[in-house]
């Protein structure tokens, strides 16, 4: 996730899945801590070069899930505000509490949103695949689209929407329920399944479709 003023945050996944531009015989499938550090330095250099990023907060993913995506438990809401999940699982909660404290030390306004335990497709039956990563939302112009679960988690849903409204009082907050056969998951929700398109790109496309 990234702000407009050049601050970026991610888990270490970007360094474990992206190699340095070296010959194949110099690559490794099990990078050491030193190699991870070298990769992170290179990634920051490239982000600065192409995107103007000047600060990179690298965080250890405390959830222990297969995906390692930060938007499953954290999201920048604006340049100085971040939303961090607050799960029931005590071990994961300790890790996310620590991350929330770090962001406060970095002078961010920190909001927390209570969420259900993250659904793990490897160990849970499909009928339990009804959790939502409320942080995995889509901010589009002045609207925020938040994945919600529905029964029996209405209290969690209402609380999540209220947290967004408190954090972004000038935005319209919209809860988006999932389809029964494709529920939101703790590792795969609304932001993961969508992507913003710049207004200029949309306008250009519409103009190209207009009768000549």
C-alpha atoms as a PDB file:
ATOM      1  CA  UNK A   1       0.000   0.000   0.000  1.00  0.00           C
ATOM      2  CA  UNK A   2       1.199   3.516  -0.788  1.00  0.00           C
ATOM      3  CA  UNK A   3       0.357   7.130   0.062  1.00  0.00           C
ATOM      4  CA  UNK A   4       0.366  10.177  -2.204  1.00  0.00           C
ATOM      5  CA  UNK A   5       3.428  11.596  -0.472  1.00  0.00           C
ATOM      6  CA  UNK A   6       5.806   8.725  -1.181  1.00  0.00           C
ATOM      7  CA  UNK A   7       5.331   6.366   1.754  1.00  0.00           C
ATOM      8  CA  UNK A   8       4.903   2.676   1.039  1.00  0.00           C
ATOM      9  CA  UNK A   9       4.304  -0.354   3.249  1.00  0.00           C
ATOM     10  CA  UNK A  10       4.322  -4.063   2.524  1.00  0.00           C
ATOM     11  CA  UNK A  11       5.218  -7.385   4.041  1.00  0.00           C
ATOM     12  CA  UNK A  12       8.527  -9.090   3.232  1.00  0.00           C
ATOM     13  CA  UNK A  13       6.701 -11.039   0.518  1.00  0.00           C
ATOM     14  CA  UNK A  14       8.011  -8.653  -2.143  1.00  0.00           C
ATOM     15  CA  UNK A  15      11.570  -9.667  -1.274  1.00  0.00           C
ATOM     16  CA  UNK A  16      10.937 -13.397  -0.994  1.00  0.00           C
ATOM     17  CA  UNK A  17       9.194 -13.487  -4.382  1.00  0.00           C
ATOM     18  CA  UNK A  18      11.352 -11.047  -6.358  1.00  0.00           C
ATOM     19  CA  UNK A  19      14.989 -11.789  -7.136  1.00  0.00           C
ATOM     20  CA  UNK A  20      17.812  -9.370  -7.778  1.00  0.00           C
ATOM     21  CA  UNK A  21      18.773  -8.788 -11.451  1.00  0.00           C
ATOM     22  CA  UNK A  22      21.565 -11.361 -11.340  1.00  0.00           C
ATOM     23  CA  UNK A  23      22.538 -14.303 -13.559  1.00  0.00           C
ATOM     24  CA  UNK A  24      20.452 -17.422 -12.931  1.00  0.00           C
ATOM     25  CA  UNK A  25      23.355 -19.294 -11.345  1.00  0.00           C
ATOM     26  CA  UNK A  26      23.644 -16.566  -8.680  1.00  0.00           C
ATOM     27  CA  UNK A  27      19.980 -16.795  -7.633  1.00  0.00           C
ATOM     28  CA  UNK A  28      18.704 -18.755  -4.633  1.00  0.00           C
ATOM     29  CA  UNK A  29      15.345 -20.250  -3.721  1.00  0.00           C
ATOM     30  CA  UNK A  30      16.044 -19.870   0.005  1.00  0.00           C
ATOM     31  CA  UNK A  31      17.402 -16.343   0.441  1.00  0.00           C
ATOM     32  CA  UNK A  32      19.252 -15.489   3.630  1.00  0.00           C
ATOM     33  CA  UNK A  33      18.419 -12.464   5.760  1.00  0.00           C
ATOM     34  CA  UNK A  34      21.294 -10.629   4.059  1.00  0.00           C
ATOM     35  CA  UNK A  35      19.906 -11.376   0.587  1.00  0.00           C
ATOM     36  CA  UNK A  36      16.427 -10.295   1.685  1.00  0.00           C
ATOM     37  CA  UNK A  37      17.916  -7.003   2.871  1.00  0.00           C
ATOM     38  CA  UNK A  38      19.709  -6.536  -0.465  1.00  0.00           C
ATOM     39  CA  UNK A  39      16.485  -7.220  -2.345  1.00  0.00           C
ATOM     40  CA  UNK A  40      14.532  -4.734  -0.218  1.00  0.00           C
ATOM     41  CA  UNK A  41      17.159  -2.071  -0.851  1.00  0.00           C
ATOM     42  CA  UNK A  42      16.980  -2.689  -4.595  1.00  0.00           C
ATOM     43  CA  UNK A  43      13.157  -2.644  -4.586  1.00  0.00           C
ATOM     44  CA  UNK A  44      13.114   0.687  -2.741  1.00  0.00           C
ATOM     45  CA  UNK A  45      15.585   2.128  -5.250  1.00  0.00           C
ATOM     46  CA  UNK A  46      13.318   1.099  -8.128  1.00  0.00           C
ATOM     47  CA  UNK A  47      10.186   2.415  -6.395  1.00  0.00           C
ATOM     48  CA  UNK A  48      11.946   5.714  -5.820  1.00  0.00           C
ATOM     49  CA  UNK A  49      13.105   5.802  -9.426  1.00  0.00           C
ATOM     50  CA  UNK A  50       9.732   5.097 -11.014  1.00  0.00           C
ATOM     51  CA  UNK A  51       7.185   6.206  -8.389  1.00  0.00           C
ATOM     52  CA  UNK A  52       8.957   8.740  -6.205  1.00  0.00           C
ATOM     53  CA  UNK A  53       8.693   6.561  -3.111  1.00  0.00           C
ATOM     54  CA  UNK A  54      10.969   7.868  -0.355  1.00  0.00           C
ATOM     55  CA  UNK A  55       9.973   5.813   2.724  1.00  0.00           C
ATOM     56  CA  UNK A  56       9.410   2.062   2.868  1.00  0.00           C
ATOM     57  CA  UNK A  57       7.915   0.387   5.951  1.00  0.00           C
ATOM     58  CA  UNK A  58       8.500  -3.360   5.728  1.00  0.00           C
ATOM     59  CA  UNK A  59       6.351  -5.403   8.105  1.00  0.00           C
ATOM     60  CA  UNK A  60       6.326  -9.049   9.150  1.00  0.00           C
ATOM     61  CA  UNK A  61       2.948 -10.611   8.384  1.00  0.00           C
ATOM     62  CA  UNK A  62       1.612 -11.872  11.749  1.00  0.00           C
ATOM     63  CA  UNK A  63      -1.286 -13.882  10.301  1.00  0.00           C
ATOM     64  CA  UNK A  64       0.733 -16.854   9.106  1.00  0.00           C
ATOM     65  CA  UNK A  65      -1.462 -17.319   6.037  1.00  0.00           C
ATOM     66  CA  UNK A  66      -0.277 -18.466   2.641  1.00  0.00           C
ATOM     67  CA  UNK A  67      -0.835 -15.111   0.917  1.00  0.00           C
ATOM     68  CA  UNK A  68       1.221 -12.592   2.894  1.00  0.00           C
ATOM     69  CA  UNK A  69      -0.671  -9.596   1.480  1.00  0.00           C
ATOM     70  CA  UNK A  70      -0.769  -6.552   3.737  1.00  0.00           C
ATOM     71  CA  UNK A  71      -4.267  -5.515   2.621  1.00  0.00           C
ATOM     72  CA  UNK A  72      -5.670  -8.571   4.393  1.00  0.00           C
ATOM     73  CA  UNK A  73      -5.037  -6.783   7.696  1.00  0.00           C
ATOM     74  CA  UNK A  74      -3.948  -3.185   6.974  1.00  0.00           C
ATOM     75  CA  UNK A  75      -4.822  -0.306   4.657  1.00  0.00           C
ATOM     76  CA  UNK A  76      -3.826   3.334   4.162  1.00  0.00           C
ATOM     77  CA  UNK A  77      -7.052   5.359   4.202  1.00  0.00           C
ATOM     78  CA  UNK A  78      -5.270   8.603   3.354  1.00  0.00           C
ATOM     79  CA  UNK A  79      -1.742   9.985   3.545  1.00  0.00           C
ATOM     80  CA  UNK A  80      -1.763  10.069   7.344  1.00  0.00           C
ATOM     81  CA  UNK A  81      -4.365   7.478   8.348  1.00  0.00           C
ATOM     82  CA  UNK A  82      -4.094   3.697   8.483  1.00  0.00           C
ATOM     83  CA  UNK A  83      -6.598   0.966   9.342  1.00  0.00           C
ATOM     84  CA  UNK A  84      -5.322  -2.144  11.118  1.00  0.00           C
ATOM     85  CA  UNK A  85      -7.382  -5.261  11.812  1.00  0.00           C
ATOM     86  CA  UNK A  86      -8.079  -6.431  15.348  1.00  0.00           C
ATOM     87  CA  UNK A  87      -8.801 -10.180  15.260  1.00  0.00           C
ATOM     88  CA  UNK A  88     -10.049 -12.537  17.964  1.00  0.00           C
ATOM     89  CA  UNK A  89      -6.977 -14.753  17.657  1.00  0.00           C
ATOM     90  CA  UNK A  90      -4.715 -13.673  20.520  1.00  0.00           C
ATOM     91  CA  UNK A  91      -1.418 -14.546  18.839  1.00  0.00           C
ATOM     92  CA  UNK A  92      -2.258 -12.645  15.651  1.00  0.00           C
ATOM     93  CA  UNK A  93      -3.699  -9.771  17.695  1.00  0.00           C
ATOM     94  CA  UNK A  94      -0.363  -9.300  19.503  1.00  0.00           C
ATOM     95  CA  UNK A  95       1.423  -8.970  16.156  1.00  0.00           C
ATOM     96  CA  UNK A  96      -1.118  -6.510  14.764  1.00  0.00           C
ATOM     97  CA  UNK A  97      -1.112  -4.491  17.995  1.00  0.00           C
ATOM     98  CA  UNK A  98       2.647  -4.122  17.565  1.00  0.00           C
ATOM     99  CA  UNK A  99       2.177  -2.963  13.958  1.00  0.00           C
ATOM    100  CA  UNK A 100      -0.466  -0.449  15.068  1.00  0.00           C
ATOM    101  CA  UNK A 101       1.978   0.903  17.654  1.00  0.00           C
ATOM    102  CA  UNK A 102       4.664   1.224  14.979  1.00  0.00           C
ATOM    103  CA  UNK A 103       2.368   3.302  12.772  1.00  0.00           C
ATOM    104  CA  UNK A 104       1.563   5.565  15.710  1.00  0.00           C
ATOM    105  CA  UNK A 105       5.298   6.076  16.211  1.00  0.00           C
ATOM    106  CA  UNK A 106       5.505   6.957  12.508  1.00  0.00           C
ATOM    107  CA  UNK A 107       2.875   9.643  13.258  1.00  0.00           C
ATOM    108  CA  UNK A 108      -0.071   7.999  11.522  1.00  0.00           C
ATOM    109  CA  UNK A 109      -3.630   8.213  12.807  1.00  0.00           C
ATOM    110  CA  UNK A 110      -4.451   4.577  13.536  1.00  0.00           C
ATOM    111  CA  UNK A 111      -7.947   3.100  13.399  1.00  0.00           C
ATOM    112  CA  UNK A 112      -8.698  -0.492  14.362  1.00  0.00           C
ATOM    113  CA  UNK A 113     -11.461  -2.721  13.016  1.00  0.00           C
ATOM    114  CA  UNK A 114     -12.611  -5.908  14.735  1.00  0.00           C
ATOM    115  CA  UNK A 115     -12.774  -8.927  12.468  1.00  0.00           C
ATOM    116  CA  UNK A 116     -13.506 -12.609  12.608  1.00  0.00           C
ATOM    117  CA  UNK A 117     -10.772 -15.200  12.517  1.00  0.00           C
ATOM    118  CA  UNK A 118      -9.218 -15.375   9.053  1.00  0.00           C
ATOM    119  CA  UNK A 119     -10.564 -18.179   6.911  1.00  0.00           C
ATOM    120  CA  UNK A 120      -7.923 -20.672   5.790  1.00  0.00           C
ATOM    121  CA  UNK A 121      -9.003 -22.693   2.757  1.00  0.00           C
ATOM    122  CA  UNK A 122      -6.468 -25.425   3.552  1.00  0.00           C
ATOM    123  CA  UNK A 123      -8.011 -26.325   6.915  1.00  0.00           C
ATOM    124  CA  UNK A 124     -11.600 -25.033   6.988  1.00  0.00           C
ATOM    125  CA  UNK A 125     -14.595 -26.535   5.181  1.00  0.00           C
ATOM    126  CA  UNK A 126     -16.257 -24.408   2.467  1.00  0.00           C
ATOM    127  CA  UNK A 127     -19.281 -23.703   4.691  1.00  0.00           C
ATOM    128  CA  UNK A 128     -17.008 -21.660   6.976  1.00  0.00           C
ATOM    129  CA  UNK A 129     -15.727 -19.492   4.123  1.00  0.00           C
ATOM    130  CA  UNK A 130     -17.712 -16.457   5.189  1.00  0.00           C
ATOM    131  CA  UNK A 131     -15.180 -14.205   6.880  1.00  0.00           C
ATOM    132  CA  UNK A 132     -14.290 -10.824   5.412  1.00  0.00           C
ATOM    133  CA  UNK A 133     -11.042  -8.905   5.621  1.00  0.00           C
ATOM    134  CA  UNK A 134     -12.634  -5.520   6.268  1.00  0.00           C
ATOM    135  CA  UNK A 135      -9.322  -3.830   5.491  1.00  0.00           C
ATOM    136  CA  UNK A 136      -9.495  -5.334   2.001  1.00  0.00           C
ATOM    137  CA  UNK A 137     -11.752  -2.545   0.757  1.00  0.00           C
ATOM    138  CA  UNK A 138     -11.775  -0.398  -2.388  1.00  0.00           C
ATOM    139  CA  UNK A 139     -11.474   3.391  -2.137  1.00  0.00           C
ATOM    140  CA  UNK A 140     -12.715   4.980  -5.347  1.00  0.00           C
ATOM    141  CA  UNK A 141     -12.973   8.781  -5.460  1.00  0.00           C
ATOM    142  CA  UNK A 142     -15.248   9.750  -2.534  1.00  0.00           C
ATOM    143  CA  UNK A 143     -16.726   6.284  -2.016  1.00  0.00           C
ATOM    144  CA  UNK A 144     -15.373   3.375   0.011  1.00  0.00           C
ATOM    145  CA  UNK A 145     -16.622  -0.116  -0.805  1.00  0.00           C
ATOM    146  CA  UNK A 146     -16.219  -2.458   2.162  1.00  0.00           C
ATOM    147  CA  UNK A 147     -16.626  -6.252   1.995  1.00  0.00           C
ATOM    148  CA  UNK A 148     -19.246  -7.417   4.496  1.00  0.00           C
ATOM    149  CA  UNK A 149     -20.229 -10.912   5.549  1.00  0.00           C
ATOM    150  CA  UNK A 150     -23.876 -10.878   6.534  1.00  0.00           C
ATOM    151  CA  UNK A 151     -25.456 -13.468   8.872  1.00  0.00           C
ATOM    152  CA  UNK A 152     -24.332 -14.364  11.460  1.00  0.00           C
ATOM    153  CA  UNK A 153     -21.716 -11.578  11.561  1.00  0.00           C
ATOM    154  CA  UNK A 154     -23.931  -8.491  11.259  1.00  0.00           C
ATOM    155  CA  UNK A 155     -22.429  -6.922  14.398  1.00  0.00           C
ATOM    156  CA  UNK A 156     -18.940  -7.134  12.917  1.00  0.00           C
ATOM    157  CA  UNK A 157     -20.226  -5.691   9.637  1.00  0.00           C
ATOM    158  CA  UNK A 158     -21.937  -2.711  11.298  1.00  0.00           C
ATOM    159  CA  UNK A 159     -18.870  -1.995  13.402  1.00  0.00           C
ATOM    160  CA  UNK A 160     -16.579  -2.116  10.345  1.00  0.00           C
ATOM    161  CA  UNK A 161     -18.749   0.339   8.410  1.00  0.00           C
ATOM    162  CA  UNK A 162     -18.877   2.646  11.453  1.00  0.00           C
ATOM    163  CA  UNK A 163     -15.072   2.605  11.772  1.00  0.00           C
ATOM    164  CA  UNK A 164     -14.690   3.597   8.117  1.00  0.00           C
ATOM    165  CA  UNK A 165     -17.227   6.392   8.513  1.00  0.00           C
ATOM    166  CA  UNK A 166     -15.390   7.702  11.578  1.00  0.00           C
ATOM    167  CA  UNK A 167     -12.018   7.555   9.820  1.00  0.00           C
ATOM    168  CA  UNK A 168     -13.339   9.046   6.553  1.00  0.00           C
ATOM    169  CA  UNK A 169     -16.260  11.309   7.513  1.00  0.00           C
ATOM    170  CA  UNK A 170     -16.442  12.978   4.095  1.00  0.00           C
ATOM    171  CA  UNK A 171     -16.689   9.699   2.184  1.00  0.00           C
ATOM    172  CA  UNK A 172     -19.707   7.568   1.382  1.00  0.00           C
ATOM    173  CA  UNK A 173     -19.224   4.116   2.934  1.00  0.00           C
ATOM    174  CA  UNK A 174     -20.897   1.246   1.090  1.00  0.00           C
ATOM    175  CA  UNK A 175     -21.035  -2.325   2.391  1.00  0.00           C
ATOM    176  CA  UNK A 176     -20.736  -4.947  -0.354  1.00  0.00           C
ATOM    177  CA  UNK A 177     -22.002  -8.456   0.484  1.00  0.00           C
ATOM    178  CA  UNK A 178     -20.412 -11.360  -1.314  1.00  0.00           C
ATOM    179  CA  UNK A 179     -22.201 -13.905  -3.438  1.00  0.00           C
ATOM    180  CA  UNK A 180     -22.979 -17.202  -1.728  1.00  0.00           C
ATOM    181  CA  UNK A 181     -20.787 -19.214  -4.083  1.00  0.00           C
ATOM    182  CA  UNK A 182     -17.876 -16.723  -4.003  1.00  0.00           C
ATOM    183  CA  UNK A 183     -17.715 -15.431  -0.401  1.00  0.00           C
ATOM    184  CA  UNK A 184     -15.235 -12.832   0.768  1.00  0.00           C
ATOM    185  CA  UNK A 185     -12.311 -14.512   2.491  1.00  0.00           C
ATOM    186  CA  UNK A 186      -9.796 -13.271   5.012  1.00  0.00           C
ATOM    187  CA  UNK A 187      -7.202 -13.808   2.299  1.00  0.00           C
ATOM    188  CA  UNK A 188      -9.234 -12.706  -0.720  1.00  0.00           C
ATOM    189  CA  UNK A 189     -11.766  -9.898  -0.507  1.00  0.00           C
ATOM    190  CA  UNK A 190     -12.896  -6.864  -2.458  1.00  0.00           C
ATOM    191  CA  UNK A 191      -9.621  -5.020  -3.071  1.00  0.00           C
ATOM    192  CA  UNK A 192      -7.970  -8.259  -4.190  1.00  0.00           C
ATOM    193  CA  UNK A 193     -10.672  -8.770  -6.825  1.00  0.00           C
ATOM    194  CA  UNK A 194     -10.791  -5.233  -8.187  1.00  0.00           C
ATOM    195  CA  UNK A 195      -8.462  -2.448  -9.245  1.00  0.00           C
ATOM    196  CA  UNK A 196      -8.831   1.289  -9.586  1.00  0.00           C
ATOM    197  CA  UNK A 197      -8.668   2.860 -13.058  1.00  0.00           C
ATOM    198  CA  UNK A 198      -7.614   6.536 -13.318  1.00  0.00           C
ATOM    199  CA  UNK A 199     -10.442   8.883 -14.346  1.00  0.00           C
ATOM    200  CA  UNK A 200      -8.430  10.116 -17.338  1.00  0.00           C
ATOM    201  CA  UNK A 201      -8.115   6.582 -18.659  1.00  0.00           C
ATOM    202  CA  UNK A 202     -11.887   6.082 -18.395  1.00  0.00           C
ATOM    203  CA  UNK A 203     -12.602   9.429 -20.083  1.00  0.00           C
ATOM    204  CA  UNK A 204     -10.229   8.639 -22.949  1.00  0.00           C
ATOM    205  CA  UNK A 205     -11.866   5.255 -23.421  1.00  0.00           C
ATOM    206  CA  UNK A 206     -15.355   6.801 -23.455  1.00  0.00           C
ATOM    207  CA  UNK A 207     -14.239   9.366 -26.030  1.00  0.00           C
ATOM    208  CA  UNK A 208     -12.830   6.619 -28.208  1.00  0.00           C
ATOM    209  CA  UNK A 209     -16.215   4.880 -28.160  1.00  0.00           C
ATOM    210  CA  UNK A 210     -18.226   7.994 -29.070  1.00  0.00           C
ATOM    211  CA  UNK A 211     -19.653   8.201 -32.615  1.00  0.00           C
ATOM    212  CA  UNK A 212     -17.464  10.255 -34.914  1.00  0.00           C
END
